[in-house]
């Protein structure tokens, strides 16, 4: 009998609509403080870190920082 890896029983947290807005305006630290580092890591994998950082850079250019 081989041991199989058990699947997690908890469903992943849905990504709230305000997540990207807060990330774009405030960055990694702020969203990690709000939702927790592991949750933000999972969401960033789902959304794509490159897409997230490009959106943040675009916002910072628009506001002139």
N, C-alpha and C. Protein backbone atom coordinates (compact mmCIF):
# COMPACT_ATOMS: atom_id res chain seq x y z
N UNK A 1 0.85 -1.18 0.00
CA UNK A 1 0.00 0.00 0.00
C UNK A 1 0.89 1.24 0.00
N UNK A 2 0.76 2.07 -1.00
CA UNK A 2 1.58 3.28 -1.06
C UNK A 2 0.88 4.44 -0.39
N UNK A 3 1.68 5.30 0.19
CA UNK A 3 1.11 6.49 0.84
C UNK A 3 0.93 7.58 -0.21
N UNK A 4 -0.26 8.10 -0.30
CA UNK A 4 -0.49 9.19 -1.24
C UNK A 4 -0.60 10.49 -0.46
N UNK A 5 -0.21 11.55 -1.10
CA UNK A 5 -0.28 12.86 -0.47
C UNK A 5 -1.74 13.32 -0.40
N UNK A 6 -2.15 13.74 0.76
CA UNK A 6 -3.53 14.18 0.93
C UNK A 6 -3.73 15.57 0.33
N UNK A 7 -4.87 15.78 -0.25
CA UNK A 7 -5.20 17.09 -0.79
C UNK A 7 -5.67 17.99 0.34
N UNK A 8 -5.38 19.28 0.25
CA UNK A 8 -5.84 20.19 1.30
C UNK A 8 -7.37 20.23 1.34
N UNK A 9 -7.90 20.32 2.55
CA UNK A 9 -9.36 20.34 2.69
C UNK A 9 -9.92 21.75 2.67
N UNK A 10 -9.07 22.72 2.89
CA UNK A 10 -9.57 24.10 2.88
C UNK A 10 -9.52 24.67 1.47
N UNK A 11 -10.59 25.31 1.10
CA UNK A 11 -10.65 25.95 -0.21
C UNK A 11 -9.81 27.22 -0.18
N UNK A 12 -9.14 27.57 -1.28
CA UNK A 12 -8.37 28.82 -1.28
C UNK A 12 -9.29 30.03 -1.10
N UNK A 13 -8.77 31.03 -0.43
CA UNK A 13 -9.56 32.25 -0.23
C UNK A 13 -9.77 32.93 -1.57
N UNK A 14 -10.99 33.36 -1.85
CA UNK A 14 -11.21 34.10 -3.10
C UNK A 14 -10.49 35.45 -3.04
N UNK A 15 -10.00 35.90 -4.17
CA UNK A 15 -9.29 37.17 -4.22
C UNK A 15 -10.32 38.30 -4.20
N UNK A 16 -10.26 39.17 -3.17
CA UNK A 16 -11.24 40.26 -3.11
C UNK A 16 -11.00 41.28 -4.21
N UNK A 17 -12.06 41.92 -4.69
CA UNK A 17 -11.92 42.88 -5.79
C UNK A 17 -11.00 44.05 -5.46
N UNK A 18 -10.91 44.42 -4.19
CA UNK A 18 -10.07 45.57 -3.82
C UNK A 18 -8.60 45.23 -3.67
N UNK A 19 -8.24 43.94 -3.78
CA UNK A 19 -6.84 43.53 -3.59
C UNK A 19 -5.90 44.24 -4.56
N UNK A 20 -6.18 44.15 -5.85
CA UNK A 20 -5.29 44.76 -6.85
C UNK A 20 -5.24 46.28 -6.69
N UNK A 21 -6.36 46.89 -6.40
CA UNK A 21 -6.40 48.34 -6.21
C UNK A 21 -5.48 48.75 -5.05
N UNK A 22 -5.57 48.04 -3.94
CA UNK A 22 -4.72 48.35 -2.79
C UNK A 22 -3.26 48.07 -3.09
N UNK A 23 -2.98 46.96 -3.80
CA UNK A 23 -1.60 46.65 -4.16
C UNK A 23 -1.00 47.73 -5.05
N UNK A 24 -1.75 48.12 -6.07
CA UNK A 24 -1.26 49.12 -7.02
C UNK A 24 -0.94 50.44 -6.31
N UNK A 25 -1.80 50.84 -5.38
CA UNK A 25 -1.60 52.11 -4.68
C UNK A 25 -0.55 52.05 -3.57
N UNK A 26 -0.47 50.88 -2.88
CA UNK A 26 0.34 50.84 -1.66
C UNK A 26 1.51 49.85 -1.68
N UNK A 27 1.52 48.87 -2.56
CA UNK A 27 2.64 47.95 -2.65
C UNK A 27 2.52 46.69 -1.81
N UNK A 28 3.59 45.86 -1.89
CA UNK A 28 3.62 44.54 -1.27
C UNK A 28 3.40 44.59 0.24
N UNK A 29 4.16 45.44 0.93
CA UNK A 29 4.09 45.44 2.41
C UNK A 29 2.68 45.72 2.91
N UNK A 30 2.03 46.67 2.30
CA UNK A 30 0.69 47.06 2.75
C UNK A 30 -0.30 45.90 2.60
N UNK A 31 -0.32 45.26 1.43
CA UNK A 31 -1.27 44.16 1.24
C UNK A 31 -0.91 42.95 2.11
N UNK A 32 0.39 42.73 2.36
CA UNK A 32 0.78 41.65 3.26
C UNK A 32 0.33 41.94 4.69
N UNK A 33 0.38 43.21 5.09
CA UNK A 33 -0.11 43.58 6.43
C UNK A 33 -1.61 43.40 6.55
N UNK A 34 -2.34 43.63 5.46
CA UNK A 34 -3.80 43.52 5.49
C UNK A 34 -4.24 42.05 5.47
N UNK A 35 -3.72 41.27 4.51
CA UNK A 35 -4.23 39.91 4.29
C UNK A 35 -3.29 38.81 4.73
N UNK A 36 -2.04 39.12 5.05
CA UNK A 36 -1.09 38.08 5.45
C UNK A 36 -0.22 37.65 4.29
N UNK A 37 1.03 37.37 4.61
CA UNK A 37 2.02 37.08 3.58
C UNK A 37 1.67 35.83 2.76
N UNK A 38 1.25 34.75 3.42
CA UNK A 38 0.98 33.51 2.68
C UNK A 38 -0.23 33.67 1.75
N UNK A 39 -1.23 34.41 2.19
CA UNK A 39 -2.41 34.65 1.35
C UNK A 39 -2.03 35.48 0.14
N UNK A 40 -1.25 36.54 0.36
CA UNK A 40 -0.82 37.41 -0.74
C UNK A 40 0.07 36.62 -1.71
N UNK A 41 0.90 35.74 -1.19
CA UNK A 41 1.76 34.91 -2.05
C UNK A 41 0.89 34.04 -2.97
N UNK A 42 -0.13 33.40 -2.40
CA UNK A 42 -1.02 32.55 -3.20
C UNK A 42 -1.75 33.37 -4.26
N UNK A 43 -2.26 34.54 -3.86
CA UNK A 43 -2.98 35.39 -4.82
C UNK A 43 -2.05 35.91 -5.91
N UNK A 44 -0.80 36.25 -5.53
CA UNK A 44 0.13 36.77 -6.54
C UNK A 44 0.50 35.69 -7.55
N UNK A 45 0.51 34.44 -7.12
CA UNK A 45 0.75 33.34 -8.07
C UNK A 45 -0.43 33.20 -9.03
N UNK A 46 -1.64 33.39 -8.49
CA UNK A 46 -2.84 33.27 -9.32
C UNK A 46 -2.94 34.41 -10.33
N UNK A 47 -2.62 35.61 -9.89
CA UNK A 47 -2.72 36.79 -10.75
C UNK A 47 -1.50 36.91 -11.66
N UNK A 48 -0.35 36.64 -11.09
CA UNK A 48 0.92 36.79 -11.81
C UNK A 48 1.71 37.96 -11.25
N UNK A 49 2.87 37.66 -10.66
CA UNK A 49 3.67 38.71 -10.03
C UNK A 49 4.09 39.78 -11.04
N UNK A 50 4.42 39.34 -12.24
CA UNK A 50 4.86 40.29 -13.27
C UNK A 50 3.74 41.26 -13.62
N UNK A 51 2.55 40.73 -13.79
CA UNK A 51 1.38 41.58 -14.10
C UNK A 51 1.12 42.57 -12.97
N UNK A 52 1.25 42.10 -11.72
CA UNK A 52 1.02 42.97 -10.56
C UNK A 52 2.06 44.10 -10.50
N UNK A 53 3.34 43.75 -10.66
CA UNK A 53 4.38 44.78 -10.55
C UNK A 53 4.29 45.77 -11.72
N UNK A 54 3.91 45.29 -12.90
CA UNK A 54 3.74 46.21 -14.04
C UNK A 54 2.61 47.20 -13.77
N UNK A 55 1.51 46.72 -13.18
CA UNK A 55 0.39 47.60 -12.85
C UNK A 55 0.82 48.65 -11.82
N UNK A 56 1.60 48.23 -10.83
CA UNK A 56 2.07 49.16 -9.80
C UNK A 56 3.02 50.21 -10.41
N UNK A 57 3.94 49.78 -11.26
CA UNK A 57 4.87 50.73 -11.90
C UNK A 57 4.11 51.73 -12.76
N UNK A 58 3.10 51.25 -13.48
CA UNK A 58 2.29 52.13 -14.33
C UNK A 58 1.58 53.18 -13.46
N UNK A 59 1.02 52.75 -12.34
CA UNK A 59 0.35 53.67 -11.42
C UNK A 59 1.33 54.72 -10.89
N UNK A 60 2.50 54.27 -10.47
CA UNK A 60 3.49 55.20 -9.90
C UNK A 60 3.94 56.23 -10.94
N UNK A 61 4.08 55.79 -12.20
CA UNK A 61 4.42 56.75 -13.28
C UNK A 61 3.32 57.76 -13.47
N UNK A 62 2.06 57.31 -13.40
CA UNK A 62 0.92 58.22 -13.61
C UNK A 62 0.81 59.26 -12.51
N UNK A 63 1.10 58.88 -11.28
CA UNK A 63 0.99 59.84 -10.17
C UNK A 63 2.29 60.62 -9.96
N UNK A 64 3.31 60.26 -10.72
CA UNK A 64 4.56 61.02 -10.70
C UNK A 64 5.46 60.79 -9.50
N UNK A 65 5.53 59.53 -9.05
CA UNK A 65 6.43 59.21 -7.93
C UNK A 65 7.66 58.50 -8.43
